[in-house]
């Protein structure tokens, strides 16, 4: 068996890589470790709209009950809803069954601790080691000690009530176009936005188990852009399959990505004295325009490796309250413990209402610099060698000096392939395309097989 846990839980093609048998074992091992051997523990389970969700939920529940823990099944809810509901119900752990923005044939199992945070690597390693060892967990309760499956019908209402409480305005007067990606937001998003008084128009809100993320949602925003223009909406919101991300569209049909949402909300929080240390946490892939726009308002950006878990780690370590990724995965740590598309949307809408400005005006405070990404093919053994190659280092230095603070070079070795990713950012798209190709060719020449 290869490594089970990736950067965001256990994922694979359902019933092939992520089987019911594996889900049962994950439920059993996860419940055992996350509840510290507690006899009567509670574990919240939610899922997205994939056809395989029922199968995997049943298997997970069986594993959990067989250890003697209770399974609180909350149905179809966004991933951040599980993080919140785990805390709300005082559960010992939470589990989300979803493969986020991946196609319908995939699914995933993601664990949360009792405080609603994703598990640290060492706990995932412990669960994985227990499964790989094939060692029997010597706990087979009988009679009243067997766990119970408890289906909770109003969980989504509790999550929506929580979200409503995170803003101090209503949304009356706003026309909002919404793309639910045929996913986990299809109940929560319209219920929430309507309850706050918005006029809404929905697309991709009729999931059939197979259409999740198909040419829709935050990774395919063309349809929401068209709807905004055709309907004359003030804002468009596109979620991904498990609704932990959101991409916005302004009234002119232009994309407002995660970087711009963080810029708008970061500036607003700064004005209210609520942006801890006047700092926003982003990854190295965030656009340099984000840093420049925030600097103008007296804020700074701290950067991490790519991945929301690294953003969250930095936020928790140093006490920051806002961080995220260009993809729209944004963490408002004052309110929730993970990226939350609906929460992020509300925070953005609150700024629009309070400022009484169109989204295009708010977004225009950040200039997005063109980015070019090219893969250089190298040997696996030499992926990290660019750090020590004097010729490559000299070329990178030359490029950075040439761009004189109006561009940058980012080199990232692939974690899974024999590639080095070359990203250039700058004012002139044609220029950086040419320079990126030349640098990638040099890296291939120096580090190729």
Protein backbone atom coordinates (compact mmCIF):
# COMPACT_ATOMS: atom_id res chain seq x y z
CA UNK A 1 0.00 0.00 0.00
CA UNK A 2 1.33 3.46 -0.91
CA UNK A 3 1.05 6.44 1.38
CA UNK A 4 -2.63 6.88 2.27
CA UNK A 5 -2.80 10.49 3.41
CA UNK A 6 -1.96 13.21 0.92
CA UNK A 7 -1.97 16.95 1.52
CA UNK A 8 -5.73 16.92 2.07
CA UNK A 9 -6.78 13.57 3.52
CA UNK A 10 -7.15 10.24 1.71
CA UNK A 11 -8.22 10.52 -1.94
CA UNK A 12 -8.65 8.22 -4.91
CA UNK A 13 -11.10 6.78 -7.42
CA UNK A 14 -14.04 5.56 -5.37
CA UNK A 15 -14.50 1.77 -5.22
CA UNK A 16 -11.12 1.25 -6.90
CA UNK A 17 -8.50 3.05 -4.83
CA UNK A 18 -10.78 4.38 -2.10
CA UNK A 19 -12.82 1.25 -1.40
CA UNK A 20 -15.55 0.52 1.15
CA UNK A 21 -13.10 -1.81 2.89
CA UNK A 22 -10.54 0.98 3.25
CA UNK A 23 -13.23 3.40 4.44
CA UNK A 24 -14.28 0.89 7.11
CA UNK A 25 -10.68 0.56 8.29
CA UNK A 26 -10.21 4.33 8.27
CA UNK A 27 -13.38 4.73 10.32
CA UNK A 28 -12.27 2.12 12.82
CA UNK A 29 -8.64 3.26 13.12
CA UNK A 30 -9.52 6.95 13.00
CA UNK A 31 -12.16 6.62 15.71
CA UNK A 32 -9.79 4.63 17.91
CA UNK A 33 -6.92 7.13 17.68
CA UNK A 34 -8.89 10.39 17.57
CA UNK A 35 -10.99 9.51 20.62
CA UNK A 36 -7.97 8.35 22.64
CA UNK A 37 -9.64 5.08 23.47
CA UNK A 38 -12.71 6.82 24.91
CA UNK A 39 -15.55 4.33 25.12
CA UNK A 40 -18.46 6.54 24.11
CA UNK A 41 -17.20 9.20 21.72
CA UNK A 42 -19.02 11.24 19.05
CA UNK A 43 -17.83 11.72 15.48
CA UNK A 44 -19.54 14.04 12.99
CA UNK A 45 -19.73 12.84 9.37
CA UNK A 46 -20.67 15.00 6.38
CA UNK A 47 -20.38 14.48 2.64
CA UNK A 48 -20.70 16.19 -0.71
CA UNK A 49 -23.01 15.14 -3.56
CA UNK A 50 -20.92 12.39 -5.21
CA UNK A 51 -22.65 9.11 -5.99
CA UNK A 52 -20.04 7.23 -3.94
CA UNK A 53 -20.79 9.26 -0.81
CA UNK A 54 -23.48 6.87 0.43
CA UNK A 55 -21.23 3.84 0.04
CA UNK A 56 -18.27 5.42 1.81
CA UNK A 57 -20.42 6.92 4.55
CA UNK A 58 -21.97 3.52 5.30
CA UNK A 59 -18.54 1.91 5.52
CA UNK A 60 -17.10 4.69 7.69
CA UNK A 61 -20.11 4.55 10.01
CA UNK A 62 -19.73 0.78 10.37
CA UNK A 63 -16.10 1.19 11.37
CA UNK A 64 -16.89 3.93 13.87
CA UNK A 65 -19.79 2.08 15.48
CA UNK A 66 -17.74 -1.12 15.71
CA UNK A 67 -15.29 0.70 18.02
CA UNK A 68 -18.16 1.88 20.23
CA UNK A 69 -18.29 5.52 19.08
CA UNK A 70 -21.45 7.25 17.89
CA UNK A 71 -21.65 8.61 14.33
CA UNK A 72 -23.50 11.92 13.94
CA UNK A 73 -24.47 11.97 10.26
CA UNK A 74 -25.19 15.54 9.12
CA UNK A 75 -25.82 14.79 5.42
CA UNK A 76 -24.70 16.97 2.52
CA UNK A 77 -22.84 19.98 3.92
CA UNK A 78 -19.76 21.98 2.91
CA UNK A 79 -16.42 20.80 4.30
CA UNK A 80 -16.13 23.86 6.58
CA UNK A 81 -19.60 22.99 7.85
CA UNK A 82 -18.20 19.75 9.26
CA UNK A 83 -15.38 21.69 10.93
CA UNK A 84 -17.93 24.00 12.57
CA UNK A 85 -20.46 21.28 13.46
CA UNK A 86 -17.76 19.18 15.11
CA UNK A 87 -17.29 22.05 17.55
CA UNK A 88 -21.01 22.86 17.79
CA UNK A 89 -22.00 19.32 18.80
CA UNK A 90 -19.02 18.93 21.13
CA UNK A 91 -17.83 15.95 19.08
CA UNK A 92 -14.47 14.26 19.49
CA UNK A 93 -13.72 14.37 15.75
CA UNK A 94 -15.23 15.17 12.36
CA UNK A 95 -14.99 13.48 8.96
CA UNK A 96 -15.80 14.94 5.54
CA UNK A 97 -16.35 12.67 2.55
CA UNK A 98 -15.36 14.72 -0.49
CA UNK A 99 -12.76 15.10 -3.22
CA UNK A 100 -13.25 18.86 -3.40
CA UNK A 101 -12.81 20.15 -6.98
CA UNK A 102 -11.92 16.72 -8.47
CA UNK A 103 -14.19 14.84 -10.94
CA UNK A 104 -17.13 12.75 -9.70
CA UNK A 105 -15.38 9.38 -9.90
CA UNK A 106 -12.98 10.49 -7.17
CA UNK A 107 -13.78 10.79 -3.51
CA UNK A 108 -11.89 11.48 -0.33
CA UNK A 109 -11.97 11.15 3.44
CA UNK A 110 -10.73 14.07 5.50
CA UNK A 111 -10.50 14.07 9.30
CA UNK A 112 -10.89 16.97 11.71
CA UNK A 113 -9.90 17.02 15.36
CA UNK A 114 -12.45 17.89 18.05
CA UNK A 115 -11.53 21.59 17.79
CA UNK A 116 -12.33 21.63 14.06
CA UNK A 117 -8.79 21.75 12.68
CA UNK A 118 -7.36 19.41 10.05
CA UNK A 119 -5.16 16.74 11.58
CA UNK A 120 -1.42 17.33 11.95
CA UNK A 121 0.85 15.01 9.98
CA UNK A 122 1.83 12.98 13.02
CA UNK A 123 -1.78 11.99 13.80
CA UNK A 124 -2.44 11.05 10.17
CA UNK A 125 0.76 8.99 10.26
CA UNK A 126 -0.49 7.22 13.39
CA UNK A 127 -3.80 6.30 11.73
CA UNK A 128 -1.99 5.19 8.58
CA UNK A 129 0.52 3.07 10.51
CA UNK A 130 -2.29 1.31 12.36
CA UNK A 131 -4.01 0.44 9.06
CA UNK A 132 -0.82 -0.63 7.28
CA UNK A 133 0.28 -2.86 10.14
CA UNK A 134 -2.90 -4.94 9.82
CA UNK A 135 -2.77 -5.10 13.58
CA UNK A 136 -6.17 -5.82 15.05
CA UNK A 137 -7.64 -3.15 17.30
CA UNK A 138 -8.71 -5.24 20.21
CA UNK A 139 -12.02 -3.59 20.83
CA UNK A 140 -15.25 -5.29 19.87
CA UNK A 141 -17.94 -3.88 22.15
CA UNK A 142 -21.26 -5.69 22.41
CA UNK A 143 -24.78 -4.86 23.52
CA UNK A 144 -25.27 -1.29 24.70
CA UNK A 145 -21.56 -0.53 24.17
CA UNK A 146 -21.88 -0.63 20.35
CA UNK A 147 -22.03 2.83 18.82
CA UNK A 148 -25.18 4.38 17.41
CA UNK A 149 -25.78 6.10 14.07
CA UNK A 150 -27.58 9.38 14.73
CA UNK A 151 -28.97 11.27 11.73
CA UNK A 152 -29.22 15.01 12.36
CA UNK A 153 -31.76 16.74 10.13
CA UNK A 154 -31.15 20.36 11.09
CA UNK A 155 -27.34 20.45 10.97
CA UNK A 156 -27.31 22.62 7.85
CA UNK A 157 -29.56 25.15 9.65
CA UNK A 158 -27.10 25.34 12.54
CA UNK A 159 -24.25 26.00 10.11
CA UNK A 160 -26.26 28.68 8.27
CA UNK A 161 -27.17 30.38 11.56
CA UNK A 162 -23.49 30.44 12.49
CA UNK A 163 -22.58 32.02 9.13
CA UNK A 164 -25.29 34.68 9.42
CA UNK A 165 -23.79 35.72 12.73
CA UNK A 166 -20.39 36.49 11.18
CA UNK A 167 -21.55 39.71 9.49
CA UNK A 168 -23.37 42.76 10.79
CA UNK A 169 -25.30 43.76 7.64
CA UNK A 170 -28.09 42.23 5.58
CA UNK A 171 -27.84 41.70 1.82
CA UNK A 172 -31.03 43.45 0.75
CA UNK A 173 -30.59 45.32 -2.52
CA UNK A 174 -27.90 43.00 -3.87
CA UNK A 175 -28.44 40.82 -6.93
CA UNK A 176 -26.17 37.79 -6.56
CA UNK A 177 -25.56 35.11 -9.20
CA UNK A 178 -24.49 31.79 -7.66
CA UNK A 179 -22.80 28.71 -9.17
CA UNK A 180 -23.08 25.79 -6.72
CA UNK A 181 -20.86 23.46 -8.80
CA UNK A 182 -23.52 20.72 -8.39
CA UNK A 183 -21.85 20.25 -5.03
CA UNK A 184 -22.13 20.65 -1.29
CA UNK A 185 -23.25 24.30 -1.38
CA UNK A 186 -26.46 23.63 -3.32
CA UNK A 187 -28.63 23.77 -0.18
CA UNK A 188 -26.56 26.04 2.05
CA UNK A 189 -25.73 28.85 -0.40
CA UNK A 190 -29.26 29.74 -1.58
CA UNK A 191 -30.68 29.28 1.93
CA UNK A 192 -28.07 31.58 3.46
CA UNK A 193 -28.11 34.34 0.85
CA UNK A 194 -31.92 34.40 0.63
CA UNK A 195 -32.27 34.52 4.42
CA UNK A 196 -30.06 37.63 4.42
CA UNK A 197 -32.30 39.35 1.88
CA UNK A 198 -30.33 39.00 -1.36
CA UNK A 199 -32.01 38.47 -4.72
CA UNK A 200 -30.34 35.39 -6.16
CA UNK A 201 -30.17 33.45 -9.38
CA UNK A 202 -28.72 29.94 -9.28
CA UNK A 203 -26.92 27.73 -11.77
CA UNK A 204 -25.51 24.23 -11.30
CA UNK A 205 -27.65 23.59 -8.23
CA UNK A 206 -29.24 20.26 -9.25
CA UNK A 207 -26.68 17.58 -8.38
CA UNK A 208 -27.27 14.04 -9.62
CA UNK A 209 -24.20 12.41 -8.07
CA UNK A 210 -22.24 12.51 -11.31
CA UNK A 211 -22.23 16.15 -12.41
CA UNK A 212 -20.25 17.69 -9.54
CA UNK A 213 -17.60 20.12 -10.86
CA UNK A 214 -18.40 19.32 -14.51
CA UNK A 215 -17.60 22.56 -16.41
CA UNK A 216 -18.86 24.61 -13.50
CA UNK A 217 -17.89 26.07 -10.15
CA UNK A 218 -14.78 27.97 -9.10
CA UNK A 219 -12.49 26.12 -11.51
CA UNK A 220 -14.73 26.86 -14.55
CA UNK A 221 -16.12 30.38 -13.99
CA UNK A 222 -17.15 31.25 -17.58
CA UNK A 223 -20.83 30.47 -17.01
CA UNK A 224 -21.10 32.55 -13.85
CA UNK A 225 -19.38 35.43 -15.67
CA UNK A 226 -21.99 35.19 -18.45
CA UNK A 227 -24.87 35.01 -15.96
CA UNK A 228 -23.65 38.11 -14.12
CA UNK A 229 -23.62 40.10 -17.37
CA UNK A 230 -26.88 38.69 -18.78
CA UNK A 231 -28.84 39.17 -15.55
CA UNK A 232 -27.17 42.41 -14.48
CA UNK A 233 -26.01 41.01 -11.15
CA UNK A 234 -23.98 43.01 -8.66
CA UNK A 235 -21.81 40.02 -7.79
CA UNK A 236 -21.24 36.45 -8.93
CA UNK A 237 -20.11 33.66 -6.58
CA UNK A 238 -18.72 30.34 -7.78
CA UNK A 239 -18.00 27.60 -5.23
CA UNK A 240 -16.11 24.35 -5.69
CA UNK A 241 -17.51 20.86 -5.02
CA UNK A 242 -17.13 20.94 -1.24
CA UNK A 243 -17.56 24.72 -0.92
CA UNK A 244 -14.33 25.44 0.91
CA UNK A 245 -13.39 27.80 -1.95
CA UNK A 246 -15.08 30.70 -3.66
CA UNK A 247 -14.22 32.79 -6.70
CA UNK A 248 -16.15 36.04 -7.18
CA UNK A 249 -17.14 37.91 -10.33
CA UNK A 250 -17.67 41.67 -10.38
CA UNK A 251 -20.62 43.46 -12.03
CA UNK A 252 -18.56 43.83 -15.24
CA UNK A 253 -18.04 40.07 -15.50
CA UNK A 254 -14.39 40.17 -14.39
CA UNK A 255 -12.92 37.49 -12.10
CA UNK A 256 -12.11 38.50 -8.53
CA UNK A 257 -9.87 35.68 -7.32
CA UNK A 258 -8.68 34.70 -3.85
CA UNK A 259 -5.85 37.24 -3.88
CA UNK A 260 -8.24 40.12 -4.59
CA UNK A 261 -10.76 38.88 -2.03
CA UNK A 262 -7.98 38.78 0.59
CA UNK A 263 -6.87 42.27 -0.42
CA UNK A 264 -10.40 43.71 -0.13
CA UNK A 265 -11.18 41.97 3.17
CA UNK A 266 -7.69 42.57 4.58
CA UNK A 267 -7.94 46.30 3.98
CA UNK A 268 -11.43 46.40 5.51
CA UNK A 269 -10.28 44.50 8.60
CA UNK A 270 -7.28 46.84 8.93
CA UNK A 271 -9.57 49.87 8.90
CA UNK A 272 -11.61 48.32 11.73
CA UNK A 273 -8.51 47.44 13.73
CA UNK A 274 -9.30 43.73 13.36
CA UNK A 275 -6.40 42.58 11.16
CA UNK A 276 -3.98 40.99 13.63
CA UNK A 277 -0.48 42.47 13.26
CA UNK A 278 -1.75 44.14 10.05
CA UNK A 279 -0.73 40.94 8.26
CA UNK A 280 -2.25 38.66 5.62
CA UNK A 281 -0.81 35.16 5.07
CA UNK A 282 -0.53 33.98 1.45
CA UNK A 283 1.44 31.36 -0.46
CA UNK A 284 4.40 31.92 -2.75
CA UNK A 285 2.01 31.59 -5.71
CA UNK A 286 -0.05 34.62 -4.73
CA UNK A 287 0.29 37.52 -7.14
CA UNK A 288 2.81 40.20 -6.24
CA UNK A 289 0.03 42.69 -6.81
CA UNK A 290 -1.50 41.50 -3.53
CA UNK A 291 1.55 42.53 -1.55
CA UNK A 292 1.84 45.89 -3.29
CA UNK A 293 -1.85 46.73 -2.73
CA UNK A 294 -1.75 45.77 0.94
CA UNK A 295 1.55 47.61 1.50
CA UNK A 296 -0.12 50.83 0.31
CA UNK A 297 -2.62 50.48 3.15
CA UNK A 298 0.03 49.76 5.77
CA UNK A 299 -0.40 45.98 5.72
CA UNK A 300 2.14 43.28 4.99
CA UNK A 301 2.06 39.78 3.48
CA UNK A 302 3.75 36.74 5.00
CA UNK A 303 4.26 33.92 2.49
CA UNK A 304 4.25 30.13 2.94
CA UNK A 305 4.68 27.06 0.79
CA UNK A 306 1.76 26.19 -1.51
CA UNK A 307 -1.09 24.53 0.37
CA UNK A 308 -3.77 25.76 2.75
CA UNK A 309 -2.38 23.64 5.57
CA UNK A 310 0.84 25.68 5.50
CA UNK A 311 -1.15 28.92 5.50
CA UNK A 312 -3.13 27.73 8.52
CA UNK A 313 0.02 26.54 10.33
CA UNK A 314 1.58 30.00 9.96
CA UNK A 315 -1.62 31.71 11.08
CA UNK A 316 -1.89 29.60 14.23
CA UNK A 317 1.82 29.84 15.05
CA UNK A 318 1.97 33.63 14.84
CA UNK A 319 -1.58 34.72 15.67
CA UNK A 320 -2.81 35.96 12.28
CA UNK A 321 -6.52 36.02 11.41
CA UNK A 322 -6.63 36.16 7.58
CA UNK A 323 -4.85 33.99 5.05
CA UNK A 324 -5.43 31.98 1.92
CA UNK A 325 -4.69 31.11 -1.66
CA UNK A 326 -5.27 32.58 -5.09
CA UNK A 327 -7.65 29.65 -5.76
CA UNK A 328 -10.21 31.16 -3.36
CA UNK A 329 -9.44 28.96 -0.38
CA UNK A 330 -9.48 31.64 2.32
CA UNK A 331 -9.31 31.27 6.10
CA UNK A 332 -10.98 33.77 8.42
CA UNK A 333 -9.62 32.29 11.63
CA UNK A 334 -11.70 34.52 13.87
CA UNK A 335 -14.77 32.64 12.60
CA UNK A 336 -13.82 29.16 11.34
CA UNK A 337 -10.90 26.75 11.47
CA UNK A 338 -10.57 26.00 7.77
CA UNK A 339 -11.15 27.61 4.38
CA UNK A 340 -14.86 28.37 3.98
CA UNK A 341 -16.31 29.53 0.66
CA UNK A 342 -19.64 30.71 2.09
CA UNK A 343 -17.96 32.53 4.97
CA UNK A 344 -15.49 34.21 2.58
CA UNK A 345 -18.36 35.25 0.32
CA UNK A 346 -20.19 36.85 3.26
CA UNK A 347 -17.11 38.76 4.39
CA UNK A 348 -16.68 40.12 0.86
CA UNK A 349 -20.38 41.02 0.55
CA UNK A 350 -20.24 42.81 3.89
CA UNK A 351 -17.47 45.08 2.58
CA UNK A 352 -19.49 45.83 -0.58
CA UNK A 353 -22.50 46.81 1.54
CA UNK A 354 -20.53 48.86 4.06
CA UNK A 355 -18.44 50.69 1.47
CA UNK A 356 -21.42 51.17 -0.86
CA UNK A 357 -19.06 50.58 -3.76
CA UNK A 358 -19.29 48.14 -6.68
CA UNK A 359 -17.00 45.13 -6.51
CA UNK A 360 -15.06 46.31 -9.58
CA UNK A 361 -14.07 49.50 -7.74
CA UNK A 362 -12.97 47.60 -4.62
CA UNK A 363 -10.99 45.09 -6.72
CA UNK A 364 -9.28 47.83 -8.73
CA UNK A 365 -7.12 48.66 -5.70
CA UNK A 366 -4.98 45.66 -6.71
CA UNK A 367 -3.17 45.45 -10.02
CA UNK A 368 -2.73 41.83 -11.07
CA UNK A 369 0.65 41.17 -12.64
CA UNK A 370 0.76 38.63 -15.49
CA UNK A 371 2.12 35.23 -14.43
CA UNK A 372 3.67 32.61 -16.70
CA UNK A 373 4.26 29.02 -15.56
CA UNK A 374 6.45 26.64 -17.58
CA UNK A 375 7.56 23.13 -16.64
CA UNK A 376 11.21 22.23 -17.13
CA UNK A 377 11.81 18.47 -17.52
CA UNK A 378 14.67 17.32 -15.31
CA UNK A 379 15.86 14.07 -13.79
CA UNK A 380 14.22 13.16 -10.48
CA UNK A 381 17.62 13.04 -8.78
CA UNK A 382 18.44 16.61 -9.81
CA UNK A 383 15.13 18.33 -8.98
CA UNK A 384 16.64 20.24 -6.08
CA UNK A 385 19.99 20.89 -7.75
CA UNK A 386 18.92 24.28 -9.16
CA UNK A 387 19.64 25.66 -5.68
CA UNK A 388 23.33 24.90 -6.05
CA UNK A 389 23.84 25.42 -9.78
CA UNK A 390 25.83 28.64 -10.18
CA UNK A 391 24.78 29.21 -13.79
CA UNK A 392 21.06 28.91 -12.98
CA UNK A 393 21.47 31.06 -9.85
CA UNK A 394 23.24 33.76 -11.87
CA UNK A 395 20.49 33.76 -14.52
CA UNK A 396 17.76 34.09 -11.87
CA UNK A 397 19.63 36.98 -10.25
CA UNK A 398 20.02 38.68 -13.64
CA UNK A 399 16.28 38.36 -14.36
CA UNK A 400 15.31 39.75 -10.96
CA UNK A 401 17.64 42.73 -11.40
CA UNK A 402 16.21 43.31 -14.87
CA UNK A 403 12.64 43.48 -13.47
CA UNK A 404 13.75 45.84 -10.67
CA UNK A 405 11.01 45.18 -8.15
CA UNK A 406 8.28 44.97 -10.80
CA UNK A 407 8.55 41.22 -11.26
CA UNK A 408 9.87 38.05 -9.71
CA UNK A 409 11.12 34.54 -10.44
CA UNK A 410 9.82 31.52 -8.54
CA UNK A 411 11.28 28.03 -8.99
CA UNK A 412 9.42 25.04 -7.48
CA UNK A 413 10.34 21.38 -7.92
CA UNK A 414 7.32 19.13 -8.46
CA UNK A 415 6.54 16.84 -5.55
CA UNK A 416 5.45 13.94 -7.78
CA UNK A 417 6.97 14.37 -11.26
CA UNK A 418 10.48 14.87 -12.75
CA UNK A 419 9.77 18.56 -13.29
CA UNK A 420 10.87 21.94 -12.05
CA UNK A 421 8.12 24.57 -12.31
CA UNK A 422 9.36 27.94 -13.53
CA UNK A 423 7.09 30.88 -12.73
CA UNK A 424 7.79 34.43 -13.84
CA UNK A 425 5.69 37.41 -12.91
CA UNK A 426 6.04 40.89 -14.34
CA UNK A 427 4.46 43.84 -16.12
CA UNK A 428 4.97 42.70 -19.72
CA UNK A 429 3.37 39.35 -20.59
CA UNK A 430 5.29 38.82 -23.83
CA UNK A 431 8.58 39.59 -22.13
CA UNK A 432 8.06 37.21 -19.20
CA UNK A 433 6.83 34.45 -21.53
CA UNK A 434 10.08 34.70 -23.48
CA UNK A 435 12.23 34.90 -20.35
CA UNK A 436 10.43 31.97 -18.69
CA UNK A 437 10.99 29.77 -21.77
CA UNK A 438 14.68 30.68 -21.82
CA UNK A 439 15.10 29.95 -18.11
CA UNK A 440 13.23 26.63 -18.39
CA UNK A 441 15.45 25.63 -21.33
CA UNK A 442 18.55 26.49 -19.29
CA UNK A 443 17.33 24.41 -16.35
CA UNK A 444 16.61 21.44 -18.65
CA UNK A 445 20.05 21.80 -20.21
CA UNK A 446 21.78 21.91 -16.81
CA UNK A 447 19.66 19.39 -14.92
CA UNK A 448 18.20 17.14 -17.60
CA UNK A 449 18.50 13.38 -17.53
